[in-house]
Structure formats: structure tokens, C-alpha cells
Amino acid sequence: MRPTKISGRAWVIKDENGNWIDNIDTDMIYHNAHLAITDIKEMGKYTFGNLKGWNDFAKKAKESDIIIAGKNFGCGSSRQQAVDCFISLGISLLICESFGAIYKRNAINSALPILSFPYLTDIGVELFKNGDIIDVELDTGKIVNKTSEKEIKGASPLSNVQMDIYQAGGLFKFGKQKNNR
């Protein structure tokens, strides 16, 4: 059974002025110059390589880190590598105000947990800072910032289907489990 409570270090994706960066597209997450790379283990080092101010993210990221970002994260193409690069780095969770529809589906299918947090960019200014240690309950959406000792409400929990796919380790594994019952 995969954990339903995730703990990790926060990366709050903002620009150099401290403003949320909305509409981070799949090309900013994983540039098309690297699409020939098919080994998921190699993809991580290119994460955010095309996002101004975040080009060195992959060198700083550690396993279990959590990404916190604004609106329409992963918009653009259906580029699976934009999900796989986070899996490659061991990123444990994405919390965003909203996701591009195809990106959201790709993340769910790949068992990368994602939580939508409506109004995050309105209320989240002081809730998270880079490096904060946070605990997140996937089944309730409850977030506790261990660094600031604040409990944060507003994230949507994983749906039952998302949780089933996550627990199975991805859509294909979930389908296999269903067929073997």
C-alpha cells in the first residue's frame, strides 16, 4: 500500500518578484529539445530547464520534495515527459491551484499524486515558502506546514478513482488488478 500521507520539502514556484507563475506549460516543464530521451531515469535532470528562474531546479531537488504552483500547471501539449521528469526526480506530490486537463490525466494515469487547491494564489502568499516541510493527507486534502506550524485547508483530496490508480501504481497496473479479480 502506498502512503496516503506525504511529507516533503516545499518548492513554491514563483518568479523573481515573488509572484505566482501561472500557465506553466509542458515545454517549460520539459523542453522539446529533450524529447528523444526515452529513459525515465535520465529525464529528471531537464525538469524546469525552460522555466525562467528555475533552470537549476533539477540540481537542487531531492526525493520526496513537493511542488506548489499556481493556475493551469502543465497546460499545452500532451507531453508525458512533463510528468515523468518529476517521477524521475522522486517528486512526491504536486499541489497547484489548477492543472491543464491533459496534464492532470497524465499525472493521474502515472500515479503521480496531484492535488488541486482552489484559490491558492489568492490565499497562499504566506502559507508556504521554499524549504518549508509540509505534511499532506491525500485522502482528506489536509496540509500541515510543519515549519510554520500552520494547518492549511482548501486542497481537494484525491477522488476515489485517483486514489485507486495511485495505490495500484498507475492506470495500467490498476487495469490489470481489475482484470485479475
Protein backbone atom coordinates (compact mmCIF):
# COMPACT_ATOMS: atom_id res chain seq x y z
CA MET A 1 0.00 0.00 0.00
CA ARG A 2 1.36 3.38 -0.98
CA PRO A 3 1.30 6.13 1.65
CA THR A 4 -1.72 8.41 1.87
CA LYS A 5 0.23 10.89 3.98
CA ILE A 6 3.12 12.51 2.19
CA SER A 7 5.82 14.60 3.84
CA GLY A 8 8.36 16.66 1.98
CA ARG A 9 10.16 19.90 1.36
CA ALA A 10 8.16 22.56 -0.48
CA TRP A 11 9.18 24.24 -3.73
CA VAL A 12 6.91 27.25 -4.30
CA ILE A 13 7.07 28.13 -7.99
CA LYS A 14 7.17 31.92 -8.17
CA ASP A 15 9.10 34.46 -10.23
CA GLU A 16 11.99 36.61 -9.03
CA ASN A 17 9.49 39.20 -7.70
CA GLY A 18 7.63 36.65 -5.59
CA ASN A 19 4.62 36.40 -7.90
CA TRP A 20 2.98 33.10 -8.77
CA ILE A 21 3.91 31.84 -12.22
CA ASP A 22 0.68 30.74 -13.88
CA ASN A 23 0.28 28.85 -17.16
CA ILE A 24 3.49 26.83 -16.82
CA ASP A 25 3.27 24.80 -19.99
CA THR A 26 4.73 21.39 -20.72
CA ASP A 27 7.57 22.95 -22.71
CA MET A 28 8.64 24.94 -19.64
CA ILE A 29 8.48 21.80 -17.52
CA TYR A 30 10.28 19.56 -20.03
CA HIS A 31 11.67 21.27 -23.13
CA ASN A 32 11.04 19.70 -26.53
CA ALA A 33 14.80 19.61 -27.16
CA HIS A 34 14.95 16.56 -24.86
CA LEU A 35 12.06 14.55 -26.30
CA ALA A 36 14.43 11.95 -27.80
CA ILE A 37 15.34 10.82 -24.27
CA THR A 38 13.26 7.76 -23.51
CA ASP A 39 14.89 6.54 -20.29
CA ILE A 40 12.79 7.93 -17.44
CA LYS A 41 15.85 7.83 -15.16
CA GLU A 42 17.51 10.45 -17.40
CA MET A 43 14.53 12.80 -17.72
CA GLY A 44 14.69 14.38 -14.28
CA LYS A 45 17.79 16.46 -14.92
CA TYR A 46 15.89 18.50 -17.52
CA THR A 47 12.94 19.41 -15.26
CA PHE A 48 12.06 23.14 -15.45
CA GLY A 49 15.05 23.66 -17.75
CA ASN A 50 12.97 26.08 -19.80
CA LEU A 51 11.31 27.94 -16.90
CA LYS A 52 12.95 31.30 -16.23
CA GLY A 53 14.48 31.41 -12.77
CA TRP A 54 14.06 27.68 -12.23
CA ASN A 55 16.64 26.31 -14.70
CA ASP A 56 18.73 24.77 -11.88
CA PHE A 57 15.79 23.15 -10.09
CA ALA A 58 16.78 19.60 -11.01
CA LYS A 59 20.18 20.04 -9.35
CA LYS A 60 18.57 21.18 -6.09
CA ALA A 61 15.57 18.84 -5.95
CA LYS A 62 15.58 15.86 -3.65
CA GLU A 63 13.44 12.78 -3.44
CA SER A 64 10.10 13.39 -1.66
CA ASP A 65 10.07 17.14 -2.48
CA ILE A 66 6.68 18.72 -3.15
CA ILE A 67 5.91 21.24 -5.90
CA ILE A 68 3.44 24.04 -5.11
CA ALA A 69 2.38 26.12 -8.11
CA GLY A 70 -0.34 28.39 -9.44
CA LYS A 71 -3.01 28.19 -12.10
CA ASN A 72 -3.14 25.99 -15.19
CA PHE A 73 0.02 23.99 -14.42
CA GLY A 74 1.03 21.71 -17.28
CA CYS A 75 -1.05 23.40 -19.95
CA GLY A 76 -0.13 22.95 -23.59
CA SER A 77 0.71 19.63 -25.14
CA SER A 78 0.09 16.06 -24.07
CA ARG A 79 3.81 15.63 -23.37
CA GLN A 80 4.09 12.67 -20.96
CA GLN A 81 7.72 13.59 -20.21
CA ALA A 82 6.42 16.65 -18.32
CA VAL A 83 5.02 14.20 -15.75
CA ASP A 84 7.78 11.62 -16.00
CA CYS A 85 10.53 14.13 -15.22
CA PHE A 86 9.03 14.69 -11.76
CA ILE A 87 8.74 10.94 -11.21
CA SER A 88 12.40 10.64 -12.27
CA LEU A 89 13.42 13.14 -9.59
CA GLY A 90 11.32 11.43 -6.93
CA ILE A 91 8.98 14.41 -6.51
CA SER A 92 6.24 13.06 -4.26
CA LEU A 93 3.36 15.44 -4.95
CA LEU A 94 2.19 18.43 -6.97
CA ILE A 95 -0.17 20.94 -5.34
CA CYS A 96 -1.47 23.56 -7.77
CA GLU A 97 -4.41 25.90 -7.98
CA SER A 98 -5.37 24.14 -11.20
CA PHE A 99 -3.90 21.85 -13.85
CA GLY A 100 -4.10 21.63 -17.61
CA ALA A 101 -6.66 18.92 -18.38
CA ILE A 102 -4.34 16.59 -20.30
CA TYR A 103 -1.54 17.08 -17.78
CA LYS A 104 -3.89 16.18 -14.94
CA ARG A 105 -4.95 12.99 -16.71
CA ASN A 106 -1.34 12.02 -17.48
CA ALA A 107 -0.31 12.56 -13.85
CA ILE A 108 -3.21 10.50 -12.52
CA ASN A 109 -2.53 7.72 -15.01
CA SER A 110 1.14 7.68 -13.96
CA ALA A 111 0.30 7.57 -10.22
CA LEU A 112 1.91 10.96 -9.57
CA PRO A 113 -0.31 12.44 -6.85
CA ILE A 114 -1.69 15.87 -7.67
CA LEU A 115 -3.97 18.00 -5.52
CA SER A 116 -5.98 20.94 -6.77
CA PHE A 117 -6.07 23.84 -4.33
CA PRO A 118 -8.68 26.39 -5.50
CA TYR A 119 -7.78 29.99 -4.65
CA LEU A 120 -4.21 29.01 -3.69
CA THR A 121 -2.76 32.05 -5.44
CA ASP A 122 -5.15 34.32 -3.54
CA ILE A 123 -4.64 32.88 -0.07
CA GLY A 124 -1.31 31.06 -0.36
CA VAL A 125 1.01 34.07 -0.24
CA GLU A 126 2.11 33.47 3.33
CA LEU A 127 1.23 29.79 3.65
CA PHE A 128 4.31 28.28 2.04
CA LYS A 129 7.94 29.22 1.47
CA ASN A 130 10.64 27.32 -0.34
CA GLY A 131 12.14 24.79 2.02
CA ASP A 132 9.15 24.50 4.35
CA ILE A 133 8.47 20.94 5.46
CA ILE A 134 4.85 20.02 4.85
CA ASP A 135 2.65 17.00 5.54
CA VAL A 136 -0.22 16.31 3.17
CA GLU A 137 -3.05 13.83 3.56
CA LEU A 138 -4.09 12.71 0.08
CA ASP A 139 -7.42 11.32 1.25
CA THR A 140 -8.56 14.49 3.05
CA GLY A 141 -6.55 17.30 1.42
CA LYS A 142 -5.32 18.41 4.85
CA ILE A 143 -1.95 20.18 4.72
CA VAL A 144 0.19 20.95 7.74
CA ASN A 145 3.15 23.26 7.33
CA LYS A 146 5.50 21.78 9.93
CA THR A 147 7.90 24.70 9.59
CA SER A 148 5.35 27.43 10.37
CA GLU A 149 3.10 25.11 12.42
CA LYS A 150 0.04 26.13 10.36
CA GLU A 151 -2.76 23.82 9.29
CA ILE A 152 -3.95 24.72 5.83
CA LYS A 153 -7.38 23.90 4.46
CA GLY A 154 -8.59 24.22 0.91
CA ALA A 155 -6.91 21.47 -1.10
CA SER A 156 -9.19 18.93 -2.73
CA PRO A 157 -8.42 15.33 -1.74
CA LEU A 158 -7.78 12.63 -4.31
CA SER A 159 -11.02 11.22 -5.68
CA ASN A 160 -11.74 7.54 -5.08
CA VAL A 161 -10.66 6.67 -8.63
CA GLN A 162 -7.48 8.76 -8.33
CA MET A 163 -6.68 7.01 -5.06
CA ASP A 164 -7.28 3.58 -6.59
CA ILE A 165 -4.96 4.35 -9.52
CA TYR A 166 -2.34 5.84 -7.19
CA GLN A 167 -2.48 2.82 -4.87
CA ALA A 168 -2.14 0.45 -7.84
CA GLY A 169 0.93 2.32 -9.09
CA GLY A 170 -0.64 3.64 -12.29
CA LEU A 171 -3.55 3.14 -14.66
CA PHE A 172 -2.18 0.05 -16.40
CA LYS A 173 -1.47 -1.70 -13.09
CA PHE A 174 -4.92 -0.68 -11.88
CA GLY A 175 -6.46 -2.21 -15.01
CA LYS A 176 -4.51 -5.42 -14.50
CA GLN A 177 -5.72 -5.64 -10.90
CA LYS A 178 -9.31 -5.17 -12.03
CA ASN A 179 -8.94 -7.93 -14.64
CA ASN A 180 -7.41 -10.35 -12.13
CA ARG A 181 -10.30 -10.09 -9.67
